[in-house]
Amino acid sequence: RFTTGQNLFLSSSSSPNAISTNWKSAIQSWLDEGILFDFSEIDKFNGGGEAGHLTQMIWAASKYVGCGRAKFKIRGDPTYRIIYTCNYGP
């Protein structure tokens, strides 16, 4: 066994027809954290911070990636949701 990292992204809409699977938006939101990360400090980086989703994606030691999504609605709440997740392992 090994430790894993995880990224999550939640998409929501009040209409079931307006919400669709959109991996591009999920991944782009994680990549957009690049503006929060000082790449000149990468050798000193020890995890965490405001760019955690981005650094999880580019972590050099990660060899395994698994992604999935689930579409759901909470009873009594009119909102429809899709949650995207990617797990990363060394």
Protein backbone atom coordinates (compact mmCIF):
# COMPACT_ATOMS: atom_id res chain seq x y z
CA ARG A 1 0.00 0.00 0.00
CA PHE A 2 1.00 3.60 -0.46
CA THR A 3 -0.29 7.05 0.43
CA THR A 4 -2.46 8.88 -2.05
CA GLY A 5 -3.41 12.44 -2.83
CA GLN A 6 -6.79 13.58 -4.10
CA ASN A 7 -8.34 16.45 -6.02
CA LEU A 8 -12.07 17.22 -5.94
CA PHE A 9 -14.21 19.55 -8.06
CA LEU A 10 -17.94 20.18 -7.63
CA SER A 11 -20.22 21.42 -10.39
CA SER A 12 -23.86 22.32 -9.72
CA SER A 13 -27.01 23.61 -11.42
CA SER A 14 -30.69 24.06 -10.64
CA SER A 15 -31.56 22.30 -13.91
CA PRO A 16 -30.83 18.62 -14.57
CA ASN A 17 -30.36 19.41 -18.27
CA ALA A 18 -27.85 22.20 -17.65
CA ILE A 19 -25.41 20.05 -15.73
CA SER A 20 -23.24 17.77 -17.82
CA THR A 21 -19.93 15.97 -17.49
CA ASN A 22 -17.19 18.51 -18.07
CA TRP A 23 -13.74 17.22 -17.16
CA LYS A 24 -12.10 20.17 -18.91
CA SER A 25 -13.55 22.62 -16.35
CA ALA A 26 -12.48 20.45 -13.43
CA ILE A 27 -8.91 20.01 -14.63
CA GLN A 28 -8.61 23.64 -15.73
CA SER A 29 -9.66 24.82 -12.25
CA TRP A 30 -6.81 22.78 -10.75
CA LEU A 31 -4.32 24.05 -13.34
CA ASP A 32 -5.40 27.66 -12.75
CA GLU A 33 -3.79 27.46 -9.31
CA GLY A 34 -0.48 27.92 -11.14
CA ILE A 35 -0.80 31.67 -10.55
CA LEU A 36 -0.66 30.96 -6.81
CA PHE A 37 2.51 28.88 -6.96
CA ASP A 38 6.08 30.19 -7.07
CA PHE A 39 7.81 27.71 -9.35
CA SER A 40 11.21 29.15 -8.42
CA GLU A 41 10.63 27.61 -4.95
CA ILE A 42 9.78 24.13 -6.24
CA ASP A 43 12.91 22.51 -4.77
CA LYS A 44 11.87 23.70 -1.28
CA PHE A 45 8.19 22.77 -1.67
CA ASN A 46 6.91 20.43 1.04
CA GLY A 47 3.20 20.17 0.15
CA GLY A 48 0.07 22.11 0.99
CA GLY A 49 -0.54 25.76 0.33
CA GLU A 50 -3.00 27.50 -1.93
CA ALA A 51 -1.92 25.54 -5.02
CA GLY A 52 -2.47 22.08 -3.58
CA HIS A 53 -4.59 20.84 -6.49
CA LEU A 54 -1.99 21.90 -9.04
CA THR A 55 0.95 20.50 -7.12
CA GLN A 56 -0.89 17.21 -6.68
CA MET A 57 -1.21 16.96 -10.47
CA ILE A 58 2.45 17.70 -11.17
CA TRP A 59 4.02 15.84 -8.24
CA ALA A 60 7.09 14.10 -9.69
CA ALA A 61 6.78 10.93 -7.62
CA SER A 62 3.20 10.14 -8.71
CA LYS A 63 3.03 7.10 -10.97
CA TYR A 64 -0.65 6.20 -10.71
CA VAL A 65 -3.73 8.31 -11.46
CA GLY A 66 -7.37 7.29 -11.24
CA CYS A 67 -10.29 9.63 -11.89
CA GLY A 68 -14.05 9.35 -11.63
CA ARG A 69 -17.22 11.37 -11.32
CA ALA A 70 -20.63 10.98 -9.73
CA LYS A 71 -23.83 12.85 -10.55
CA PHE A 72 -26.22 13.28 -7.62
CA LYS A 73 -29.02 15.26 -6.02
CA ILE A 74 -29.60 15.71 -2.30
CA ARG A 75 -33.17 15.00 -1.22
CA GLY A 76 -35.05 18.21 -0.49
CA ASP A 77 -32.45 20.37 -2.28
CA PRO A 78 -33.30 21.56 -5.81
CA THR A 79 -29.64 21.58 -6.87
CA TYR A 80 -28.15 18.93 -9.16
CA ARG A 81 -24.44 18.20 -8.68
CA ILE A 82 -21.52 16.39 -10.26
CA ILE A 83 -18.41 15.72 -8.20
CA TYR A 84 -15.15 14.97 -9.98
CA THR A 85 -12.25 13.29 -8.24
CA CYS A 86 -8.75 12.23 -9.17
CA ASN A 87 -6.55 10.14 -6.90
CA TYR A 88 -2.77 10.15 -7.24
CA GLY A 89 -0.34 7.56 -5.95
CA PRO A 90 3.42 7.26 -5.89
